Amino acid sequence: MEEIEVTSWLTLDALKKAAEMVETVGNLQTGHSMSVFCKIEEDYLELRYCDSSANTIRCYEERDKFDEALKERKEEVGEAPYDEEEDRNFEEEEEDEEEGQEEKSEDSDQEKEEENEEEKF
């Protein structure tokens, strides 16, 4: 097994979109981590999202080790079946939050410009 630490969830999301899903264990809305077990070509991967420590990508050499890790993770975190609809909703919520922050920043910039123009008169 190889493990790589990743700082961005976007990297994990990109891999997840390209992969064949096997199972998801955990939930970031109710816990601190979520593991997505998937397969890309001949590679068995665990994409581990974590809000309290480092995110990781784990690559398993054999299907047996992959299945063993999946079973272990279920025991640690609890079983949460993969739900594509829930996953899409979670991604949409994240995008909405990002857009809201951008709009708030733009509104703040406009208010500053208006204040500066008022001060000139």
PDB file of N, CA and C in Angstrom:
ATOM      1  N   MET A   1       0.846  -1.181   0.000  1.00  0.00           N
ATOM      2  CA  MET A   1       0.000   0.000   0.000  1.00  0.00           C
ATOM      3  C   MET A   1       0.886   1.238   0.000  1.00  0.00           C
ATOM      4  N   GLU A   2       0.533   2.154  -0.861  1.00  0.00           N
ATOM      5  CA  GLU A   2       1.189   3.451  -0.897  1.00  0.00           C
ATOM      6  C   GLU A   2       0.199   4.493  -0.434  1.00  0.00           C
ATOM      7  N   GLU A   3       0.719   5.548   0.227  1.00  0.00           N
ATOM      8  CA  GLU A   3      -0.160   6.599   0.725  1.00  0.00           C
ATOM      9  C   GLU A   3       0.441   7.951   0.387  1.00  0.00           C
ATOM     10  N   ILE A   4      -0.403   8.825  -0.124  1.00  0.00           N
ATOM     11  CA  ILE A   4       0.005  10.187  -0.470  1.00  0.00           C
ATOM     12  C   ILE A   4      -0.892  11.152   0.283  1.00  0.00           C
ATOM     13  N   GLU A   5      -0.290  12.154   0.899  1.00  0.00           N
ATOM     14  CA  GLU A   5      -1.062  13.187   1.586  1.00  0.00           C
ATOM     15  C   GLU A   5      -1.456  14.257   0.573  1.00  0.00           C
ATOM     16  N   VAL A   6      -2.720  14.681   0.648  1.00  0.00           N
ATOM     17  CA  VAL A   6      -3.259  15.662  -0.297  1.00  0.00           C
ATOM     18  C   VAL A   6      -3.865  16.807   0.504  1.00  0.00           C
ATOM     19  N   THR A   7      -3.614  18.045   0.079  1.00  0.00           N
ATOM     20  CA  THR A   7      -4.148  19.184   0.824  1.00  0.00           C
ATOM     21  C   THR A   7      -5.524  19.631   0.343  1.00  0.00           C
ATOM     22  N   SER A   8      -5.857  19.320  -0.895  1.00  0.00           N
ATOM     23  CA  SER A   8      -7.094  19.833  -1.476  1.00  0.00           C
ATOM     24  C   SER A   8      -8.127  18.739  -1.709  1.00  0.00           C
ATOM     25  N   TRP A   9      -9.368  19.041  -1.355  1.00  0.00           N
ATOM     26  CA  TRP A   9     -10.470  18.130  -1.646  1.00  0.00           C
ATOM     27  C   TRP A   9     -10.736  18.104  -3.147  1.00  0.00           C
ATOM     28  N   LEU A  10     -10.365  19.148  -3.855  1.00  0.00           N
ATOM     29  CA  LEU A  10     -10.586  19.193  -5.303  1.00  0.00           C
ATOM     30  C   LEU A  10      -9.813  18.077  -6.004  1.00  0.00           C
ATOM     31  N   THR A  11      -8.616  17.778  -5.529  1.00  0.00           N
ATOM     32  CA  THR A  11      -7.828  16.682  -6.086  1.00  0.00           C
ATOM     33  C   THR A  11      -8.555  15.364  -5.882  1.00  0.00           C
ATOM     34  N   LEU A  12      -9.058  15.154  -4.674  1.00  0.00           N
ATOM     35  CA  LEU A  12      -9.802  13.934  -4.383  1.00  0.00           C
ATOM     36  C   LEU A  12     -11.073  13.859  -5.224  1.00  0.00           C
ATOM     37  N   ASP A  13     -11.762  14.978  -5.376  1.00  0.00           N
ATOM     38  CA  ASP A  13     -12.985  15.016  -6.184  1.00  0.00           C
ATOM     39  C   ASP A  13     -12.705  14.651  -7.645  1.00  0.00           C
ATOM     40  N   ALA A  14     -11.598  15.149  -8.183  1.00  0.00           N
ATOM     41  CA  ALA A  14     -11.248  14.855  -9.574  1.00  0.00           C
ATOM     42  C   ALA A  14     -10.994  13.360  -9.762  1.00  0.00           C
ATOM     43  N   LEU A  15     -10.291  12.763  -8.832  1.00  0.00           N
ATOM     44  CA  LEU A  15     -10.056  11.321  -8.908  1.00  0.00           C
ATOM     45  C   LEU A  15     -11.364  10.543  -8.773  1.00  0.00           C
ATOM     46  N   LYS A  16     -12.206  11.001  -7.865  1.00  0.00           N
ATOM     47  CA  LYS A  16     -13.479  10.315  -7.627  1.00  0.00           C
ATOM     48  C   LYS A  16     -14.345  10.326  -8.890  1.00  0.00           C
ATOM     49  N   LYS A  17     -14.352  11.434  -9.607  1.00  0.00           N
ATOM     50  CA  LYS A  17     -15.158  11.534 -10.828  1.00  0.00           C
ATOM     51  C   LYS A  17     -14.645  10.608 -11.927  1.00  0.00           C
ATOM     52  N   ALA A  18     -13.328  10.371 -11.942  1.00  0.00           N
ATOM     53  CA  ALA A  18     -12.727   9.525 -12.975  1.00  0.00           C
ATOM     54  C   ALA A  18     -12.784   8.040 -12.620  1.00  0.00           C
ATOM     55  N   ALA A  19     -13.147   7.724 -11.401  1.00  0.00           N
ATOM     56  CA  ALA A  19     -13.062   6.347 -10.913  1.00  0.00           C
ATOM     57  C   ALA A  19     -14.379   5.596 -10.999  1.00  0.00           C
ATOM     58  N   GLU A  20     -14.253   4.293 -10.917  1.00  0.00           N
ATOM     59  CA  GLU A  20     -15.404   3.401 -10.783  1.00  0.00           C
ATOM     60  C   GLU A  20     -15.637   3.216  -9.284  1.00  0.00           C
ATOM     61  N   MET A  21     -16.779   3.672  -8.799  1.00  0.00           N
ATOM     62  CA  MET A  21     -17.076   3.642  -7.368  1.00  0.00           C
ATOM     63  C   MET A  21     -17.311   2.211  -6.882  1.00  0.00           C
ATOM     64  N   VAL A  22     -16.745   1.907  -5.724  1.00  0.00           N
ATOM     65  CA  VAL A  22     -16.998   0.626  -5.083  1.00  0.00           C
ATOM     66  C   VAL A  22     -17.895   0.848  -3.872  1.00  0.00           C
ATOM     67  N   GLU A  23     -17.452   1.736  -2.958  1.00  0.00           N
ATOM     68  CA  GLU A  23     -18.256   2.018  -1.774  1.00  0.00           C
ATOM     69  C   GLU A  23     -17.725   3.252  -1.055  1.00  0.00           C
ATOM     70  N   THR A  24     -18.620   3.933  -0.343  1.00  0.00           N
ATOM     71  CA  THR A  24     -18.253   5.079   0.485  1.00  0.00           C
ATOM     72  C   THR A  24     -18.545   4.734   1.934  1.00  0.00           C
ATOM     73  N   VAL A  25     -17.585   5.050   2.795  1.00  0.00           N
ATOM     74  CA  VAL A  25     -17.733   4.765   4.222  1.00  0.00           C
ATOM     75  C   VAL A  25     -17.528   6.065   4.984  1.00  0.00           C
ATOM     76  N   GLY A  26     -18.465   6.379   5.868  1.00  0.00           N
ATOM     77  CA  GLY A  26     -18.376   7.604   6.651  1.00  0.00           C
ATOM     78  C   GLY A  26     -19.151   8.729   5.994  1.00  0.00           C
ATOM     79  N   ASN A  27     -19.216   9.849   6.719  1.00  0.00           N
ATOM     80  CA  ASN A  27     -19.976  10.987   6.235  1.00  0.00           C
ATOM     81  C   ASN A  27     -19.401  12.243   6.889  1.00  0.00           C
ATOM     82  N   LEU A  28     -19.011  13.200   6.086  1.00  0.00           N
ATOM     83  CA  LEU A  28     -18.416  14.430   6.632  1.00  0.00           C
ATOM     84  C   LEU A  28     -19.430  15.310   7.346  1.00  0.00           C
ATOM     85  N   GLN A  29     -20.712  15.116   7.060  1.00  0.00           N
ATOM     86  CA  GLN A  29     -21.722  15.929   7.718  1.00  0.00           C
ATOM     87  C   GLN A  29     -21.998  15.439   9.137  1.00  0.00           C
ATOM     88  N   THR A  30     -21.768  14.158   9.393  1.00  0.00           N
ATOM     89  CA  THR A  30     -22.028  13.612  10.728  1.00  0.00           C
ATOM     90  C   THR A  30     -20.759  13.184  11.445  1.00  0.00           C
ATOM     91  N   GLY A  31     -19.644  13.119  10.742  1.00  0.00           N
ATOM     92  CA  GLY A  31     -18.382  12.700  11.350  1.00  0.00           C
ATOM     93  C   GLY A  31     -17.244  13.560  10.852  1.00  0.00           C
ATOM     94  N   HIS A  32     -16.026  13.113  11.135  1.00  0.00           N
ATOM     95  CA  HIS A  32     -14.855  13.903  10.752  1.00  0.00           C
ATOM     96  C   HIS A  32     -14.144  13.382   9.517  1.00  0.00           C
ATOM     97  N   SER A  33     -14.606  12.237   8.983  1.00  0.00           N
ATOM     98  CA  SER A  33     -13.940  11.700   7.806  1.00  0.00           C
ATOM     99  C   SER A  33     -14.898  10.896   6.935  1.00  0.00           C
ATOM    100  N   MET A  34     -14.463  10.716   5.691  1.00  0.00           N
ATOM    101  CA  MET A  34     -15.215   9.917   4.735  1.00  0.00           C
ATOM    102  C   MET A  34     -14.190   9.261   3.815  1.00  0.00           C
ATOM    103  N   SER A  35     -14.335   7.974   3.605  1.00  0.00           N
ATOM    104  CA  SER A  35     -13.451   7.250   2.693  1.00  0.00           C
ATOM    105  C   SER A  35     -14.247   6.777   1.496  1.00  0.00           C
ATOM    106  N   VAL A  36     -13.716   7.067   0.314  1.00  0.00           N
ATOM    107  CA  VAL A  36     -14.328   6.626  -0.924  1.00  0.00           C
ATOM    108  C   VAL A  36     -13.422   5.542  -1.498  1.00  0.00           C
ATOM    109  N   PHE A  37     -13.950   4.335  -1.595  1.00  0.00           N
ATOM    110  CA  PHE A  37     -13.202   3.219  -2.153  1.00  0.00           C
ATOM    111  C   PHE A  37     -13.590   3.096  -3.618  1.00  0.00           C
ATOM    112  N   CYS A  38     -12.576   3.119  -4.496  1.00  0.00           N
ATOM    113  CA  CYS A  38     -12.852   3.131  -5.922  1.00  0.00           C
ATOM    114  C   CYS A  38     -11.741   2.430  -6.701  1.00  0.00           C
ATOM    115  N   LYS A  39     -11.970   2.305  -7.996  1.00  0.00           N
ATOM    116  CA  LYS A  39     -11.011   1.634  -8.865  1.00  0.00           C
ATOM    117  C   LYS A  39     -10.828   2.471 -10.121  1.00  0.00           C
ATOM    118  N   ILE A  40      -9.566   2.700 -10.481  1.00  0.00           N
ATOM    119  CA  ILE A  40      -9.220   3.354 -11.741  1.00  0.00           C
ATOM    120  C   ILE A  40      -8.301   2.392 -12.478  1.00  0.00           C
ATOM    121  N   GLU A  41      -8.775   1.907 -13.598  1.00  0.00           N
ATOM    122  CA  GLU A  41      -8.082   0.877 -14.378  1.00  0.00           C
ATOM    123  C   GLU A  41      -7.735  -0.299 -13.471  1.00  0.00           C
ATOM    124  N   GLU A  42      -6.457  -0.537 -13.195  1.00  0.00           N
ATOM    125  CA  GLU A  42      -6.051  -1.683 -12.366  1.00  0.00           C
ATOM    126  C   GLU A  42      -5.701  -1.269 -10.933  1.00  0.00           C
ATOM    127  N   ASP A  43      -5.901  -0.006 -10.608  1.00  0.00           N
ATOM    128  CA  ASP A  43      -5.525   0.502  -9.285  1.00  0.00           C
ATOM    129  C   ASP A  43      -6.740   0.564  -8.361  1.00  0.00           C
ATOM    130  N   TYR A  44      -6.555   0.056  -7.152  1.00  0.00           N
ATOM    131  CA  TYR A  44      -7.587   0.122  -6.123  1.00  0.00           C
ATOM    132  C   TYR A  44      -7.215   1.255  -5.177  1.00  0.00           C
ATOM    133  N   LEU A  45      -8.102   2.237  -5.051  1.00  0.00           N
ATOM    134  CA  LEU A  45      -7.798   3.447  -4.287  1.00  0.00           C
ATOM    135  C   LEU A  45      -8.778   3.666  -3.137  1.00  0.00           C
ATOM    136  N   GLU A  46      -8.251   4.298  -2.082  1.00  0.00           N
ATOM    137  CA  GLU A  46      -9.087   4.829  -1.019  1.00  0.00           C
ATOM    138  C   GLU A  46      -8.818   6.328  -0.981  1.00  0.00           C
ATOM    139  N   LEU A  47      -9.848   7.107  -1.241  1.00  0.00           N
ATOM    140  CA  LEU A  47      -9.750   8.570  -1.175  1.00  0.00           C
ATOM    141  C   LEU A  47     -10.319   8.971   0.177  1.00  0.00           C
ATOM    142  N   ARG A  48      -9.465   9.447   1.064  1.00  0.00           N
ATOM    143  CA  ARG A  48      -9.904   9.745   2.426  1.00  0.00           C
ATOM    144  C   ARG A  48     -10.012  11.252   2.624  1.00  0.00           C
ATOM    145  N   TYR A  49     -11.253  11.719   2.763  1.00  0.00           N
ATOM    146  CA  TYR A  49     -11.543  13.118   3.067  1.00  0.00           C
ATOM    147  C   TYR A  49     -11.573  13.258   4.584  1.00  0.00           C
ATOM    148  N   CYS A  50     -10.910  14.272   5.099  1.00  0.00           N
ATOM    149  CA  CYS A  50     -10.882  14.442   6.550  1.00  0.00           C
ATOM    150  C   CYS A  50     -10.903  15.929   6.884  1.00  0.00           C
ATOM    151  N   ASP A  51     -11.761  16.312   7.836  1.00  0.00           N
ATOM    152  CA  ASP A  51     -11.813  17.722   8.211  1.00  0.00           C
ATOM    153  C   ASP A  51     -10.991  18.029   9.456  1.00  0.00           C
ATOM    154  N   SER A  52     -10.404  17.002  10.082  1.00  0.00           N
ATOM    155  CA  SER A  52      -9.628  17.240  11.301  1.00  0.00           C
ATOM    156  C   SER A  52      -8.159  16.848  11.164  1.00  0.00           C
ATOM    157  N   SER A  53      -7.780  16.211  10.070  1.00  0.00           N
ATOM    158  CA  SER A  53      -6.382  15.868   9.821  1.00  0.00           C
ATOM    159  C   SER A  53      -6.147  15.830   8.313  1.00  0.00           C
ATOM    160  N   ALA A  54      -5.013  15.300   7.898  1.00  0.00           N
ATOM    161  CA  ALA A  54      -4.649  15.304   6.483  1.00  0.00           C
ATOM    162  C   ALA A  54      -5.544  14.390   5.648  1.00  0.00           C
ATOM    163  N   ASN A  55      -5.821  14.833   4.433  1.00  0.00           N
ATOM    164  CA  ASN A  55      -6.517  14.011   3.443  1.00  0.00           C
ATOM    165  C   ASN A  55      -5.479  13.096   2.811  1.00  0.00           C
ATOM    166  N   THR A  56      -5.898  11.896   2.421  1.00  0.00           N
ATOM    167  CA  THR A  56      -4.934  10.967   1.840  1.00  0.00           C
ATOM    168  C   THR A  56      -5.522  10.202   0.666  1.00  0.00           C
ATOM    169  N   ILE A  57      -4.625   9.739  -0.182  1.00  0.00           N
ATOM    170  CA  ILE A  57      -4.953   8.799  -1.244  1.00  0.00           C
ATOM    171  C   ILE A  57      -4.137   7.556  -0.952  1.00  0.00           C
ATOM    172  N   ARG A  58      -4.810   6.429  -0.832  1.00  0.00           N
ATOM    173  CA  ARG A  58      -4.121   5.164  -0.590  1.00  0.00           C
ATOM    174  C   ARG A  58      -4.333   4.267  -1.799  1.00  0.00           C
ATOM    175  N   CYS A  59      -3.260   3.683  -2.270  1.00  0.00           N
ATOM    176  CA  CYS A  59      -3.318   2.774  -3.405  1.00  0.00           C
ATOM    177  C   CYS A  59      -2.962   1.371  -2.909  1.00  0.00           C
ATOM    178  N   TYR A  60      -3.852   0.422  -3.155  1.00  0.00           N
ATOM    179  CA  TYR A  60      -3.654  -0.957  -2.710  1.00  0.00           C
ATOM    180  C   TYR A  60      -3.202  -1.807  -3.892  1.00  0.00           C
ATOM    181  N   GLU A  61      -2.220  -2.661  -3.649  1.00  0.00           N
ATOM    182  CA  GLU A  61      -1.645  -3.485  -4.708  1.00  0.00           C
ATOM    183  C   GLU A  61      -2.556  -4.636  -5.115  1.00  0.00           C
ATOM    184  N   GLU A  62      -3.323  -5.154  -4.164  1.00  0.00           N
ATOM    185  CA  GLU A  62      -4.163  -6.313  -4.436  1.00  0.00           C
ATOM    186  C   GLU A  62      -5.591  -6.048  -3.994  1.00  0.00           C
ATOM    187  N   ARG A  63      -6.516  -6.712  -4.641  1.00  0.00           N
ATOM    188  CA  ARG A  63      -7.927  -6.570  -4.296  1.00  0.00           C
ATOM    189  C   ARG A  63      -8.194  -7.044  -2.863  1.00  0.00           C
ATOM    190  N   ASP A  64      -7.490  -8.077  -2.429  1.00  0.00           N
ATOM    191  CA  ASP A  64      -7.680  -8.601  -1.070  1.00  0.00           C
ATOM    192  C   ASP A  64      -7.351  -7.554  -0.013  1.00  0.00           C
ATOM    193  N   LYS A  65      -6.247  -6.859  -0.199  1.00  0.00           N
ATOM    194  CA  LYS A  65      -5.863  -5.813   0.762  1.00  0.00           C
ATOM    195  C   LYS A  65      -6.852  -4.653   0.719  1.00  0.00           C
ATOM    196  N   PHE A  66      -7.331  -4.345  -0.461  1.00  0.00           N
ATOM    197  CA  PHE A  66      -8.339  -3.307  -0.653  1.00  0.00           C
ATOM    198  C   PHE A  66      -9.614  -3.665   0.115  1.00  0.00           C
ATOM    199  N   ASP A  67     -10.085  -4.902  -0.051  1.00  0.00           N
ATOM    200  CA  ASP A  67     -11.293  -5.365   0.644  1.00  0.00           C
ATOM    201  C   ASP A  67     -11.100  -5.372   2.153  1.00  0.00           C
ATOM    202  N   GLU A  68      -9.901  -5.740   2.593  1.00  0.00           N
ATOM    203  CA  GLU A  68      -9.590  -5.751   4.025  1.00  0.00           C
ATOM    204  C   GLU A  68      -9.629  -4.335   4.599  1.00  0.00           C
ATOM    205  N   ALA A  69      -9.073  -3.384   3.868  1.00  0.00           N
ATOM    206  CA  ALA A  69      -9.087  -1.978   4.311  1.00  0.00           C
ATOM    207  C   ALA A  69     -10.516  -1.444   4.362  1.00  0.00           C
ATOM    208  N   LEU A  70     -11.335  -1.822   3.388  1.00  0.00           N
ATOM    209  CA  LEU A  70     -12.738  -1.416   3.361  1.00  0.00           C
ATOM    210  C   LEU A  70     -13.462  -1.938   4.602  1.00  0.00           C
ATOM    211  N   LYS A  71     -13.249  -3.195   4.910  1.00  0.00           N
ATOM    212  CA  LYS A  71     -13.868  -3.803   6.094  1.00  0.00           C
ATOM    213  C   LYS A  71     -13.407  -3.106   7.375  1.00  0.00           C
ATOM    214  N   GLU A  72     -12.107  -2.830   7.462  1.00  0.00           N
ATOM    215  CA  GLU A  72     -11.545  -2.130   8.629  1.00  0.00           C
ATOM    216  C   GLU A  72     -12.176  -0.754   8.808  1.00  0.00           C
ATOM    217  N   ARG A  73     -12.280  -0.019   7.699  1.00  0.00           N
ATOM    218  CA  ARG A  73     -12.836   1.336   7.756  1.00  0.00           C
ATOM    219  C   ARG A  73     -14.293   1.307   8.199  1.00  0.00           C
ATOM    220  N   LYS A  74     -15.040   0.311   7.744  1.00  0.00           N
ATOM    221  CA  LYS A  74     -16.435   0.178   8.163  1.00  0.00           C
ATOM    222  C   LYS A  74     -16.527  -0.029   9.666  1.00  0.00           C
ATOM    223  N   GLU A  75     -15.611  -0.810  10.210  1.00  0.00           N
ATOM    224  CA  GLU A  75     -15.609  -1.050  11.656  1.00  0.00           C
ATOM    225  C   GLU A  75     -15.242   0.212  12.420  1.00  0.00           C
ATOM    226  N   GLU A  76     -14.296   0.992  11.902  1.00  0.00           N
ATOM    227  CA  GLU A  76     -13.849   2.226  12.562  1.00  0.00           C
ATOM    228  C   GLU A  76     -14.927   3.310  12.542  1.00  0.00           C
ATOM    229  N   VAL A  77     -15.472   3.558  11.358  1.00  0.00           N
ATOM    230  CA  VAL A  77     -16.339   4.712  11.138  1.00  0.00           C
ATOM    231  C   VAL A  77     -17.819   4.359  11.213  1.00  0.00           C
ATOM    232  N   GLY A  78     -18.151   3.196  10.795  1.00  0.00           N
ATOM    233  CA  GLY A  78     -19.552   2.827  10.660  1.00  0.00           C
ATOM    234  C   GLY A  78     -19.903   2.812   9.199  1.00  0.00           C
ATOM    235  N   GLU A  79     -20.836   2.009   8.834  1.00  0.00           N
ATOM    236  CA  GLU A  79     -21.169   1.822   7.435  1.00  0.00           C
ATOM    237  C   GLU A  79     -22.135   2.881   6.947  1.00  0.00           C
ATOM    238  N   ALA A  80     -21.815   3.486   5.805  1.00  0.00           N
ATOM    239  CA  ALA A  80     -22.692   4.462   5.156  1.00  0.00           C
ATOM    240  C   ALA A  80     -22.699   4.138   3.677  1.00  0.00           C
ATOM    241  N   PRO A  81     -23.758   3.535   3.159  1.00  0.00           N
ATOM    242  CA  PRO A  81     -23.773   3.163   1.749  1.00  0.00           C
ATOM    243  C   PRO A  81     -23.646   4.375   0.839  1.00  0.00           C
ATOM    244  N   TYR A  82     -23.021   4.193  -0.290  1.00  0.00           N
ATOM    245  CA  TYR A  82     -22.820   5.273  -1.253  1.00  0.00           C
ATOM    246  C   TYR A  82     -24.148   5.687  -1.861  1.00  0.00           C
ATOM    247  N   ASP A  83     -24.384   6.979  -1.869  1.00  0.00           N
ATOM    248  CA  ASP A  83     -25.612   7.524  -2.424  1.00  0.00           C
ATOM    249  C   ASP A  83     -25.221   8.661  -3.364  1.00  0.00           C
ATOM    250  N   GLU A  84     -25.318   8.411  -4.671  1.00  0.00           N
ATOM    251  CA  GLU A  84     -24.906   9.414  -5.649  1.00  0.00           C
ATOM    252  C   GLU A  84     -25.660  10.717  -5.479  1.00  0.00           C
ATOM    253  N   GLU A  85     -26.958  10.643  -5.196  1.00  0.00           N
ATOM    254  CA  GLU A  85     -27.780  11.846  -5.033  1.00  0.00           C
ATOM    255  C   GLU A  85     -27.286  12.680  -3.858  1.00  0.00           C
ATOM    256  N   GLU A  86     -26.989  12.024  -2.741  1.00  0.00           N
ATOM    257  CA  GLU A  86     -26.489  12.738  -1.560  1.00  0.00           C
ATOM    258  C   GLU A  86     -25.142  13.375  -1.861  1.00  0.00           C
ATOM    259  N   ASP A  87     -24.299  12.654  -2.610  1.00  0.00           N
ATOM    260  CA  ASP A  87     -22.987  13.156  -2.974  1.00  0.00           C
ATOM    261  C   ASP A  87     -23.120  14.404  -3.837  1.00  0.00           C
ATOM    262  N   ARG A  88     -24.025  14.381  -4.827  1.00  0.00           N
ATOM    263  CA  ARG A  88     -24.249  15.549  -5.676  1.00  0.00           C
ATOM    264  C   ARG A  88     -24.761  16.728  -4.857  1.00  0.00           C
ATOM    265  N   ASN A  89     -25.686  16.461  -3.931  1.00  0.00           N
ATOM    266  CA  ASN A  89     -26.226  17.527  -3.084  1.00  0.00           C
ATOM    267  C   ASN A  89     -25.118  18.153  -2.250  1.00  0.00           C
ATOM    268  N   PHE A  90     -24.214  17.333  -1.711  1.00  0.00           N
ATOM    269  CA  PHE A  90     -23.117  17.830  -0.895  1.00  0.00           C
ATOM    270  C   PHE A  90     -22.205  18.722  -1.733  1.00  0.00           C
ATOM    271  N   GLU A  91     -21.885  18.284  -2.971  1.00  0.00           N
ATOM    272  CA  GLU A  91     -21.035  19.080  -3.849  1.00  0.00           C
ATOM    273  C   GLU A  91     -21.708  20.392  -4.222  1.00  0.00           C
ATOM    274  N   GLU A  92     -23.032  20.367  -4.477  1.00  0.00           N
ATOM    275  CA  GLU A  92     -23.762  21.582  -4.816  1.00  0.00           C
ATOM    276  C   GLU A  92     -23.767  22.565  -3.645  1.00  0.00           C
ATOM    277  N   GLU A  93     -23.906  22.051  -2.417  1.00  0.00           N
ATOM    278  CA  GLU A  93     -23.878  22.916  -1.237  1.00  0.00           C
ATOM    279  C   GLU A  93     -22.530  23.604  -1.122  1.00  0.00           C
ATOM    280  N   GLU A  94     -21.436  22.860  -1.370  1.00  0.00           N
ATOM    281  CA  GLU A  94     -20.099  23.446  -1.305  1.00  0.00           C
ATOM    282  C   GLU A  94     -19.956  24.549  -2.345  1.00  0.00           C
ATOM    283  N   GLU A  95     -20.445  24.299  -3.579  1.00  0.00           N
ATOM    284  CA  GLU A  95     -20.361  25.305  -4.636  1.00  0.00           C
ATOM    285  C   GLU A  95     -21.177  26.542  -4.286  1.00  0.00           C
ATOM    286  N   ASP A  96     -22.370  26.350  -3.725  1.00  0.00           N
ATOM    287  CA  ASP A  96     -23.215  27.475  -3.333  1.00  0.00           C
ATOM    288  C   ASP A  96     -22.529  28.325  -2.269  1.00  0.00           C
ATOM    289  N   GLU A  97     -21.873  27.672  -1.312  1.00  0.00           N
ATOM    290  CA  GLU A  97     -21.171  28.407  -0.260  1.00  0.00           C
ATOM    291  C   GLU A  97     -20.038  29.225  -0.857  1.00  0.00           C
ATOM    292  N   GLU A  98     -19.287  28.642  -1.810  1.00  0.00           N
ATOM    293  CA  GLU A  98     -18.187  29.368  -2.442  1.00  0.00           C
ATOM    294  C   GLU A  98     -18.713  30.572  -3.214  1.00  0.00           C
ATOM    295  N   GLU A  99     -19.817  30.381  -3.950  1.00  0.00           N
ATOM    296  CA  GLU A  99     -20.393  31.491  -4.707  1.00  0.00           C
ATOM    297  C   GLU A  99     -20.887  32.585  -3.777  1.00  0.00           C
ATOM    298  N   GLY A 100     -21.470  32.215  -2.659  1.00  0.00           N
ATOM    299  CA  GLY A 100     -21.955  33.188  -1.684  1.00  0.00           C
ATOM    300  C   GLY A 100     -20.825  34.022  -1.124  1.00  0.00           C
ATOM    301  N   GLN A 101     -19.681  33.373  -0.872  1.00  0.00           N
ATOM    302  CA  GLN A 101     -18.532  34.104  -0.358  1.00  0.00           C
ATOM    303  C   GLN A 101     -17.991  35.068  -1.403  1.00  0.00           C
ATOM    304  N   GLU A 102     -17.978  34.644  -2.683  1.00  0.00           N
ATOM    305  CA  GLU A 102     -17.505  35.524  -3.742  1.00  0.00           C
ATOM    306  C   GLU A 102     -18.428  36.733  -3.896  1.00  0.00           C
ATOM    307  N   GLU A 103     -19.749  36.506  -3.853  1.00  0.00           N
ATOM    308  CA  GLU A 103     -20.705  37.597  -3.979  1.00  0.00           C
ATOM    309  C   GLU A 103     -20.564  38.576  -2.822  1.00  0.00           C
ATOM    310  N   LYS A 104     -20.363  38.057  -1.627  1.00  0.00           N
ATOM    311  CA  LYS A 104     -20.206  38.903  -0.451  1.00  0.00           C
ATOM    312  C   LYS A 104     -18.977  39.787  -0.614  1.00  0.00           C
ATOM    313  N   SER A 105     -17.899  39.214  -1.131  1.00  0.00           N
ATOM    314  CA  SER A 105     -16.668  39.965  -1.356  1.00  0.00           C
ATOM    315  C   SER A 105     -16.891  41.055  -2.401  1.00  0.00           C
ATOM    316  N   GLU A 106     -17.614  40.729  -3.493  1.00  0.00           N
ATOM    317  CA  GLU A 106     -17.894  41.715  -4.529  1.00  0.00           C
ATOM    318  C   GLU A 106     -18.762  42.837  -3.984  1.00  0.00           C
ATOM    319  N   ASP A 107     -19.780  42.524  -3.172  1.00  0.00           N
ATOM    320  CA  ASP A 107     -20.644  43.533  -2.572  1.00  0.00           C
ATOM    321  C   ASP A 107     -19.841  44.468  -1.685  1.00  0.00           C
ATOM    322  N   SER A 108     -18.916  43.909  -0.935  1.00  0.00           N
ATOM    323  CA  SER A 108     -18.081  44.697  -0.040  1.00  0.00           C
ATOM    324  C   SER A 108     -17.213  45.661  -0.842  1.00  0.00           C
ATOM    325  N   ASP A 109     -16.659  45.190  -1.961  1.00  0.00           N
ATOM    326  CA  ASP A 109     -15.834  46.043  -2.816  1.00  0.00           C
ATOM    327  C   ASP A 109     -16.663  47.185  -3.392  1.00  0.00           C
ATOM    328  N   GLN A 110     -17.905  46.915  -3.814  1.00  0.00           N
ATOM    329  CA  GLN A 110     -18.775  47.947  -4.369  1.00  0.00           C
ATOM    330  C   GLN A 110     -19.107  48.993  -3.312  1.00  0.00           C
ATOM    331  N   GLU A 111     -19.375  48.569  -2.091  1.00  0.00           N
ATOM    332  CA  GLU A 111     -19.692  49.503  -1.016  1.00  0.00           C
ATOM    333  C   GLU A 111     -18.506  50.425  -0.746  1.00  0.00           C
ATOM    334  N   LYS A 112     -17.289  49.888  -0.765  1.00  0.00           N
ATOM    335  CA  LYS A 112     -16.092  50.698  -0.536  1.00  0.00           C
ATOM    336  C   LYS A 112     -15.928  51.744  -1.636  1.00  0.00           C
ATOM    337  N   GLU A 113     -16.184  51.331  -2.891  1.00  0.00           N
ATOM    338  CA  GLU A 113     -16.077  52.273  -3.997  1.00  0.00           C
ATOM    339  C   GLU A 113     -17.101  53.398  -3.858  1.00  0.00           C
ATOM    340  N   GLU A 114     -18.320  53.059  -3.466  1.00  0.00           N
ATOM    341  CA  GLU A 114     -19.372  54.064  -3.298  1.00  0.00           C
ATOM    342  C   GLU A 114     -19.003  55.019  -2.173  1.00  0.00           C
ATOM    343  N   GLU A 115     -18.450  54.511  -1.088  1.00  0.00           N
ATOM    344  CA  GLU A 115     -18.040  55.361   0.019  1.00  0.00           C
ATOM    345  C   GLU A 115     -16.924  56.332  -0.416  1.00  0.00           C
ATOM    346  N   ASN A 116     -15.980  55.828  -1.203  1.00  0.00           N
ATOM    347  CA  ASN A 116     -14.896  56.670  -1.688  1.00  0.00           C
ATOM    348  C   ASN A 116     -15.429  57.779  -2.590  1.00  0.00           C
ATOM    349  N   GLU A 117     -16.415  57.465  -3.434  1.00  0.00           N
ATOM    350  CA  GLU A 117     -16.999  58.487  -4.306  1.00  0.00           C
ATOM    351  C   GLU A 117     -17.741  59.537  -3.500  1.00  0.00           C
ATOM    352  N   GLU A 118     -18.443  59.126  -2.449  1.00  0.00           N
ATOM    353  CA  GLU A 118     -19.174  60.065  -1.596  1.00  0.00           C
ATOM    354  C   GLU A 118     -18.209  61.005  -0.879  1.00  0.00           C
ATOM    355  N   GLU A 119     -17.065  60.471  -0.467  1.00  0.00           N
ATOM    356  CA  GLU A 119     -16.077  61.290   0.233  1.00  0.00           C
ATOM    357  C   GLU A 119     -15.497  62.360  -0.672  1.00  0.00           C
ATOM    358  N   LYS A 120     -15.422  62.094  -1.973  1.00  0.00           N
ATOM    359  CA  LYS A 120     -14.873  63.061  -2.920  1.00  0.00           C
ATOM    360  C   LYS A 120     -15.757  64.292  -3.021  1.00  0.00           C
ATOM    361  N   PHE A 121     -17.065  64.143  -2.861  1.00  0.00           N
ATOM    362  CA  PHE A 121     -18.003  65.268  -2.995  1.00  0.00           C
ATOM    363  C   PHE A 121     -18.136  65.909  -1.693  1.00  0.00           C
TER     364      PHE A 121
END
